[in-house]
Protein backbone atom coordinates (compact mmCIF):
# COMPACT_ATOMS: atom_id res chain seq x y z
CA MET A 1 126.70 115.14 127.74
CA THR A 2 122.96 115.41 128.21
CA GLU A 3 122.46 116.53 124.59
CA LYS A 4 124.52 113.58 123.38
CA ASN A 5 122.40 111.18 125.42
CA ASN A 6 119.23 112.73 124.03
CA ASN A 7 120.50 112.34 120.49
CA GLN A 8 121.38 108.71 121.13
CA GLU A 9 117.93 108.08 122.61
CA SER A 10 116.26 109.76 119.63
CA PHE A 11 118.33 107.68 117.22
CA SER A 12 117.42 104.54 119.13
CA GLN A 13 113.71 105.39 118.91
CA ASP A 14 113.94 106.09 115.17
CA ALA A 15 115.68 102.78 114.64
CA GLY A 16 112.92 101.11 116.65
CA ILE A 17 110.26 102.69 114.47
CA SER A 18 112.00 101.57 111.29
CA LEU A 19 112.28 98.04 112.63
CA TYR A 20 108.57 97.85 113.42
CA LEU A 21 107.56 99.45 110.14
CA ARG A 22 109.47 96.73 108.35
CA ASN A 23 107.54 94.16 110.34
CA LEU A 24 104.07 95.68 110.27
CA GLU A 25 102.24 92.65 111.56
CA GLN A 26 104.44 92.50 114.64
CA THR A 27 103.87 96.22 115.20
CA LEU A 28 100.09 95.97 115.15
CA LEU A 29 100.05 92.94 117.44
CA SER A 30 102.45 94.43 119.96
CA ARG A 31 100.11 96.31 122.31
CA ASP A 32 102.91 97.09 124.77
CA TRP A 33 104.98 98.71 122.02
CA LEU A 34 102.06 100.83 120.79
CA GLU A 35 101.19 102.05 124.27
CA THR A 36 104.74 103.29 124.88
CA ARG A 37 105.10 105.27 121.64
CA SER A 38 104.93 109.03 121.45
CA LYS A 39 102.30 110.72 119.30
CA PHE A 40 104.95 111.54 116.70
CA GLU A 41 105.96 107.91 116.38
CA LEU A 42 102.32 106.89 116.02
CA MET A 43 101.86 109.58 113.38
CA ASP A 44 104.76 108.05 111.45
CA LEU A 45 103.05 104.67 111.66
CA VAL A 46 99.73 106.08 110.43
CA GLN A 47 101.49 107.78 107.52
CA PHE A 48 103.21 104.53 106.63
CA LEU A 49 99.87 102.68 106.67
CA ALA A 50 98.27 105.33 104.47
CA VAL A 51 101.04 104.97 101.88
CA GLN A 52 100.69 101.19 101.86
CA LEU A 53 96.92 101.40 101.39
CA TYR A 54 97.38 103.86 98.53
CA LYS A 55 99.89 101.57 96.83
CA GLN A 56 97.50 98.65 97.20
CA SER A 57 94.59 100.58 95.68
CA THR A 58 96.62 101.63 92.64
CA THR A 59 98.41 98.34 91.99
CA GLN A 60 98.86 97.49 88.34
CA LEU A 61 97.47 94.10 87.36
CA LYS A 62 99.87 91.54 85.97
CA PRO A 63 98.96 90.25 82.50
CA SER A 64 98.44 86.76 83.95
CA SER A 65 95.73 88.08 86.29
CA ARG A 66 93.43 88.98 83.40
CA ARG A 67 90.98 86.28 82.32
CA ALA A 68 89.90 85.99 78.73
CA PRO A 69 86.52 87.66 78.21
CA ASP A 70 85.03 84.56 76.54
CA ILE A 71 83.14 83.57 79.69
CA LYS A 72 79.54 82.52 80.09
CA PHE A 73 76.97 84.89 81.49
CA PRO A 74 73.63 83.78 82.94
CA MET A 75 70.59 84.39 80.79
CA VAL A 76 68.43 87.11 82.31
CA GLY A 77 65.71 89.45 81.22
CA ALA A 78 64.33 92.82 82.21
CA GLU A 79 61.40 91.07 83.91
CA ASN A 80 63.84 89.78 86.55
CA LEU A 81 64.41 93.30 87.85
CA ALA A 82 61.98 95.28 89.96
CA SER A 83 63.21 98.59 88.60
CA PHE A 84 66.00 100.36 86.79
CA GLU A 85 67.97 102.71 89.01
CA PRO A 86 68.28 106.17 87.44
CA VAL A 87 71.88 107.39 87.19
CA PRO A 88 73.20 109.91 87.93
CA ALA A 89 71.08 110.10 91.07
CA GLY A 90 68.46 112.81 90.79
CA ALA A 91 68.90 113.19 87.05
CA GLU A 92 65.47 111.70 86.32
CA ASP A 93 63.97 115.16 86.66
CA THR A 94 66.20 116.66 83.98
CA ASN A 95 65.98 116.59 80.22
CA GLY A 96 68.37 114.55 78.12
CA ASP A 97 68.91 111.27 76.34
CA SER A 98 68.30 108.18 78.43
CA LEU A 99 68.76 104.46 77.94
CA LYS A 100 68.03 101.40 80.07
CA ILE A 101 70.85 98.89 80.44
CA LEU A 102 71.26 95.62 82.29
CA MET A 103 74.74 94.83 83.62
CA VAL A 104 75.18 91.10 84.08
CA GLY A 105 77.85 89.65 86.35
CA SER A 106 79.53 86.39 85.36
CA LYS A 107 79.29 84.71 88.78
CA THR A 108 75.61 84.63 89.64
CA ALA A 109 72.34 86.18 88.49
CA SER A 110 72.00 87.90 91.86
CA LEU A 111 74.73 90.31 90.77
CA ASN A 112 72.66 91.70 87.90
CA ARG A 113 71.88 95.40 88.08
CA GLY A 114 69.55 97.55 86.00
CA TYR A 115 70.27 101.22 85.33
CA ARG A 116 68.56 104.00 83.42
CA ILE A 117 71.44 106.17 82.29
CA ILE A 118 70.55 109.79 81.68
CA ASN A 119 73.10 111.55 79.44
CA GLN A 120 76.19 110.03 81.11
CA ALA A 121 77.28 108.05 84.17
CA VAL A 122 80.73 107.48 85.71
CA VAL A 123 81.68 103.85 86.40
CA GLY A 124 84.24 102.72 88.99
CA ARG A 125 84.84 101.96 92.68
CA ASP A 126 83.04 104.07 95.25
CA ASP A 127 85.65 105.27 97.77
CA GLY A 128 82.98 106.43 100.20
CA SER A 129 82.64 109.92 98.74
CA LYS A 130 80.02 109.06 96.10
CA ASN A 131 82.64 109.58 93.40
CA VAL A 132 80.87 107.33 90.87
CA ASP A 133 77.36 106.81 89.57
CA ILE A 134 77.70 103.05 89.03
CA ASP A 135 79.69 101.29 91.75
CA LEU A 136 81.30 98.12 90.41
CA THR A 137 82.31 96.75 93.82
CA GLN A 138 78.89 95.10 94.05
CA PHE A 139 79.89 92.75 91.22
CA GLY A 140 82.24 90.72 93.39
CA PRO A 141 85.91 90.14 94.24
CA GLU A 142 87.20 90.70 90.71
CA VAL A 143 86.72 94.42 91.20
CA LYS A 144 90.44 94.54 92.05
CA GLY A 145 92.05 96.48 89.26
CA VAL A 146 89.08 98.81 88.77
CA SER A 147 89.99 102.47 89.21
CA ARG A 148 87.94 104.81 91.38
CA ARG A 149 86.80 106.68 88.25
CA HIS A 150 87.41 104.01 85.64
CA ALA A 151 85.15 104.79 82.69
CA GLU A 152 82.08 106.72 81.66
CA PHE A 153 78.92 105.67 79.86
CA LYS A 154 77.43 108.20 77.46
CA VAL A 155 73.99 108.06 75.83
CA SER A 156 73.37 109.73 72.49
CA GLY A 157 70.81 109.05 69.81
CA ASN A 158 69.48 105.92 71.53
CA LYS A 159 72.97 104.43 71.53
CA LEU A 160 75.34 103.61 74.38
CA TYR A 161 78.99 104.63 74.33
CA VAL A 162 81.84 103.98 76.77
CA VAL A 163 84.88 106.17 77.40
CA ASP A 164 87.95 105.04 79.36
CA LEU A 165 88.94 107.69 81.92
CA GLN A 166 92.68 106.95 81.85
CA SER A 167 92.20 103.96 84.15
CA SER A 168 95.25 102.13 85.50
CA ASN A 169 94.30 98.73 84.06
CA GLY A 170 92.28 99.70 81.03
CA THR A 171 88.77 99.30 79.66
CA TYR A 172 88.18 96.54 77.13
CA LEU A 173 85.30 96.04 74.71
CA ARG A 174 85.09 92.43 73.52
CA GLY A 175 88.72 91.95 74.48
CA ARG A 176 90.08 95.06 72.72
CA ARG A 177 91.58 97.77 74.89
CA LEU A 178 90.11 101.21 74.34
CA GLU A 179 92.12 104.38 74.00
CA ALA A 180 91.60 106.74 76.92
CA GLY A 181 89.17 109.56 76.14
CA GLN A 182 87.76 107.92 73.00
CA ALA A 183 84.00 107.22 72.92
CA ILE A 184 83.22 103.76 71.52
CA GLU A 185 79.72 102.39 70.88
CA VAL A 186 78.69 99.43 73.02
CA PRO A 187 76.36 97.07 71.13
CA SER A 188 73.81 95.22 73.22
CA GLY A 189 75.19 91.93 74.54
CA SER A 190 78.82 93.10 74.49
CA VAL A 191 81.28 92.10 77.19
CA LEU A 192 83.01 95.05 78.84
CA SER A 193 86.11 94.49 80.95
CA PHE A 194 87.04 97.04 83.59
CA GLY A 195 90.48 95.87 84.63
CA ALA A 196 89.92 92.20 85.52
CA LEU A 197 86.17 92.60 86.03
CA HIS A 198 84.00 91.36 83.16
CA VAL A 199 80.36 92.30 82.76
CA GLN A 200 77.90 91.87 79.94
CA VAL A 201 75.91 94.93 78.94
CA GLN A 202 72.42 94.42 77.58
CA ILE A 203 70.48 97.41 76.26
CA ILE A 204 66.79 97.27 77.13
CA ARG A 205 64.61 98.98 74.57
CA ASP A 206 60.98 99.68 75.55
């Protein structure tokens, strides 16, 4: 009889967890409910949250969420920047091809960033582990749709190339989607689209 009661109580608790997981907002706001849960129930809740955050970070963009790349970018020049950040970090002491670029955001000139790319640099969203050399989250809210390791810039023979790293929402050069793994030259002044984020790339030649 005791075992049966325990099973019924366990089933009741599981049902309670499922109910609150389906109504996540109510769960997080219910302090009394959280304080009466066992550590195993709270672990289930944490696991659920982790799955939801992962799904959100890898969401595929709908076609309607992509703006046409024919947008206006503010006119800027190299004199507007104090310096060009060397990427990858620490690579300035190594030998290799290098090229200065200016990445221009479409919203405001304050988003402009200058980089001196040495050999190659990974572009994407920094997840806190320094997984990229150029973090696109600084270019504003349209970073949604940019993968953690989205693309890679390569420098060779005083030319800039971009390679899509099998990103979820694609890399576009002047509106044309690039094939993953294929290096394509980026002419100065071109618009690159990383998912729904559009930036203009200007090559600065000394």
